[in-house]
Amino acid sequence: MGSGNMVIRKIRDQENPLLYRKEYIFAVIHDAQSTPARKKLREEIAKLLGVDQNMVVVRRIKTDFGTNTSKVEVHVYSDQRRMIEIEPRYILKRNEIIKE
């Protein structure tokens, strides 16, 4: 599951039907590179899961100091309207889902 020098491994997934989403935690190994951009992570994770990139929200990227492994928290929605209602505006902006 690698792309370029990035390897993505699913650590955990959990259904959350009340919030119309699946919640994932991935380990992303990026050898000798900086932490991948949110946009690139959304693209790669959407491909990996076979879902529309517009339904993928990267909540958190946590890279431990001095390592090339990031823990990435992701929500994948089944309904875009619900996603916009549920996710905080600043998260939607960071993911470039909304502009303002």
Protein backbone atom coordinates (compact mmCIF):
# COMPACT_ATOMS: atom_id res chain seq x y z
CA MET A 1 0.00 0.00 0.00
CA GLY A 2 2.71 2.45 -0.86
CA SER A 3 2.74 5.51 -3.03
CA GLY A 4 6.07 7.09 -3.81
CA ASN A 5 7.88 6.73 -0.53
CA MET A 6 4.73 6.64 1.56
CA VAL A 7 3.28 3.47 3.08
CA ILE A 8 -0.21 3.59 4.57
CA ARG A 9 -1.35 0.90 7.02
CA LYS A 10 -4.76 0.77 8.62
CA ILE A 11 -4.51 0.43 12.40
CA ARG A 12 -8.17 0.66 13.32
CA ASP A 13 -11.59 1.28 11.83
CA GLN A 14 -14.92 1.74 13.45
CA GLU A 15 -18.43 2.30 12.13
CA ASN A 16 -20.29 5.31 13.48
CA PRO A 17 -23.74 5.09 11.86
CA LEU A 18 -25.22 7.86 14.00
CA LEU A 19 -22.77 10.32 12.45
CA TYR A 20 -22.94 8.78 8.93
CA ARG A 21 -19.26 7.94 8.92
CA LYS A 22 -16.52 5.39 9.39
CA GLU A 23 -13.62 6.41 11.60
CA TYR A 24 -10.11 5.21 10.82
CA ILE A 25 -6.66 5.45 12.26
CA PHE A 26 -3.78 4.92 9.84
CA ALA A 27 -0.04 4.67 10.31
CA VAL A 28 1.70 6.51 7.50
CA ILE A 29 5.38 5.78 7.04
CA HIS A 30 7.14 8.47 5.00
CA ASP A 31 10.80 7.54 4.70
CA ALA A 32 13.17 10.50 4.93
CA GLN A 33 10.38 12.88 3.95
CA SER A 34 8.47 15.47 5.90
CA THR A 35 4.95 14.73 7.12
CA PRO A 36 2.73 14.36 4.03
CA ALA A 37 0.29 17.15 3.19
CA ARG A 38 -3.35 16.72 4.19
CA LYS A 39 -4.39 16.93 0.53
CA LYS A 40 -2.01 14.10 -0.48
CA LEU A 41 -3.20 11.97 2.45
CA ARG A 42 -6.86 12.48 1.47
CA GLU A 43 -6.07 11.40 -2.10
CA GLU A 44 -4.12 8.30 -1.09
CA ILE A 45 -6.55 7.20 1.61
CA ALA A 46 -9.53 7.67 -0.73
CA LYS A 47 -7.78 5.46 -3.32
CA LEU A 48 -6.87 2.88 -0.69
CA LEU A 49 -10.47 2.67 0.58
CA GLY A 50 -12.09 3.02 -2.85
CA VAL A 51 -14.14 6.06 -1.81
CA ASP A 52 -14.68 9.57 -3.16
CA GLN A 53 -11.94 11.90 -1.94
CA ASN A 54 -14.59 14.56 -1.20
CA MET A 55 -16.01 12.31 1.53
CA VAL A 56 -12.64 11.92 3.31
CA VAL A 57 -11.77 14.25 6.20
CA VAL A 58 -8.32 14.14 7.79
CA ARG A 59 -8.94 15.09 11.41
CA ARG A 60 -5.43 14.85 12.87
CA ILE A 61 -1.90 14.12 11.77
CA LYS A 62 0.46 13.32 14.62
CA THR A 63 4.12 12.69 13.88
CA ASP A 64 6.32 11.74 16.80
CA PHE A 65 9.45 13.83 16.95
CA GLY A 66 12.39 12.26 15.15
CA THR A 67 10.38 9.54 13.40
CA ASN A 68 9.02 9.15 9.89
CA THR A 69 5.76 7.62 11.03
CA SER A 70 2.60 9.67 11.42
CA LYS A 71 -0.63 8.60 13.01
CA VAL A 72 -3.51 9.91 10.91
CA GLU A 73 -7.09 10.13 12.16
CA VAL A 74 -9.62 10.05 9.30
CA HIS A 75 -13.40 10.23 8.99
CA VAL A 76 -15.08 8.91 5.84
CA TYR A 77 -18.66 10.08 5.39
CA SER A 78 -21.50 8.48 3.45
CA ASP A 79 -23.37 11.79 3.11
CA GLN A 80 -21.66 15.06 2.20
CA ARG A 81 -24.41 17.27 3.64
CA ARG A 82 -24.08 15.53 7.01
CA MET A 83 -20.29 15.88 6.85
CA ILE A 84 -20.62 19.66 6.46
CA GLU A 85 -23.11 19.78 9.36
CA ILE A 86 -21.02 17.58 11.70
CA GLU A 87 -17.37 18.53 11.12
CA PRO A 88 -16.10 21.80 12.59
CA ARG A 89 -15.60 24.58 10.02
CA TYR A 90 -11.86 24.86 10.67
CA ILE A 91 -11.43 21.13 9.88
CA LEU A 92 -13.42 21.50 6.64
CA LYS A 93 -11.23 24.48 5.69
CA ARG A 94 -8.01 22.61 6.45
CA ASN A 95 -9.20 19.80 4.22
CA GLU A 96 -10.11 22.32 1.49
CA ILE A 97 -13.70 21.06 1.49
CA ILE A 98 -15.00 24.58 2.05
CA LYS A 99 -13.24 27.81 1.17
CA GLU A 100 -14.71 30.26 3.71
